[in-house]
Structure formats: structure tokens, C-alpha cells
Amino acid sequence: MPFGKYKDRFVTDLPVHYLEWFERKGWPDGQLGQFLATMFEIKTNGLDRILDPIKKEYR
């Protein structure tokens, strides 16, 4: 995350309440907004396990 309370954290590690806040207030423009909206859908639908291979490969 490039800014805010969770600056320097991976988008995959953002808490759901932070993503819910963006859902209410509006997503940032561009690719970051798309990433955050996608992460919101993944986490709110209980699909976190699909991120495990990605996390393993890139950390």
C-alpha cells in the first residue's frame, strides 16, 4: 500500500475493515483501485486461500 495507515504493507495483508472503508468512500483511481476492489471481493467472499500460492511465490 503506497499511502495511509497501512503504508508499505502488501495489498493482500490489508484488513477487511480498511477495504470496507474504501468500498464506502470510493476506490482510488487506476490499478491500485482495481487491486483493492479485487482484494475486497476475495476477502469478503472467504476466498483468501486462493492467495496462498501468490504469497508463497512473491515473499
Protein backbone atom coordinates (compact mmCIF):
# COMPACT_ATOMS: atom_id res chain seq x y z
CA MET A 1 0.00 0.00 0.00
CA PRO A 2 1.65 3.26 -1.04
CA PHE A 3 -0.09 5.57 1.48
CA GLY A 4 -2.21 5.84 4.60
CA LYS A 5 -2.37 3.92 7.85
CA TYR A 6 -1.20 0.70 6.16
CA LYS A 7 1.60 2.22 4.10
CA ASP A 8 4.24 -0.29 2.96
CA ARG A 9 2.00 -3.33 3.53
CA PHE A 10 1.10 -5.79 0.82
CA VAL A 11 -2.43 -5.32 -0.52
CA THR A 12 -3.06 -8.97 0.34
CA ASP A 13 -2.40 -8.17 4.02
CA LEU A 14 -4.83 -5.28 4.38
CA PRO A 15 -7.59 -5.85 6.93
CA VAL A 16 -11.15 -6.21 5.69
CA HIS A 17 -12.33 -3.15 7.64
CA TYR A 18 -9.90 -0.98 5.67
CA LEU A 19 -11.16 -2.39 2.37
CA GLU A 20 -14.75 -1.83 3.56
CA TRP A 21 -13.88 1.81 4.19
CA PHE A 22 -12.69 2.17 0.59
CA GLU A 23 -15.86 0.44 -0.60
CA ARG A 24 -17.91 3.14 1.15
CA LYS A 25 -15.71 6.12 0.25
CA GLY A 26 -14.64 5.09 -3.25
CA TRP A 27 -11.67 3.24 -4.69
CA PRO A 28 -8.55 5.14 -5.78
CA ASP A 29 -8.14 5.65 -9.50
CA GLY A 30 -6.10 3.32 -11.64
CA GLN A 31 -4.53 -0.03 -10.99
CA LEU A 32 -4.35 0.41 -7.21
CA GLY A 33 -8.12 0.87 -7.04
CA GLN A 34 -8.61 -2.27 -9.12
CA PHE A 35 -6.29 -4.24 -6.83
CA LEU A 36 -8.09 -3.03 -3.71
CA ALA A 37 -11.54 -3.76 -5.14
CA THR A 38 -10.42 -7.24 -6.16
CA MET A 39 -8.95 -7.88 -2.71
CA PHE A 40 -12.22 -6.70 -1.15
CA GLU A 41 -14.17 -9.25 -3.20
CA ILE A 42 -11.71 -12.04 -2.39
CA LYS A 43 -11.74 -11.38 1.35
CA THR A 44 -15.45 -10.70 1.79
CA ASN A 45 -16.31 -13.90 -0.09
CA GLY A 46 -13.98 -16.06 2.00
CA LEU A 47 -11.61 -16.83 -0.87
CA ASP A 48 -8.38 -15.92 0.94
CA ARG A 49 -6.88 -19.37 0.23
CA ILE A 50 -6.54 -18.54 -3.48
CA LEU A 51 -3.88 -16.02 -2.44
CA ASP A 52 -1.65 -18.60 -0.74
CA PRO A 53 0.32 -19.63 -3.86
CA ILE A 54 0.84 -15.98 -4.80
CA LYS A 55 2.03 -15.06 -1.31
CA LYS A 56 4.36 -18.05 -1.25
CA GLU A 57 5.92 -17.19 -4.61
CA TYR A 58 6.43 -13.45 -4.07
CA ARG A 59 7.53 -13.22 -0.44
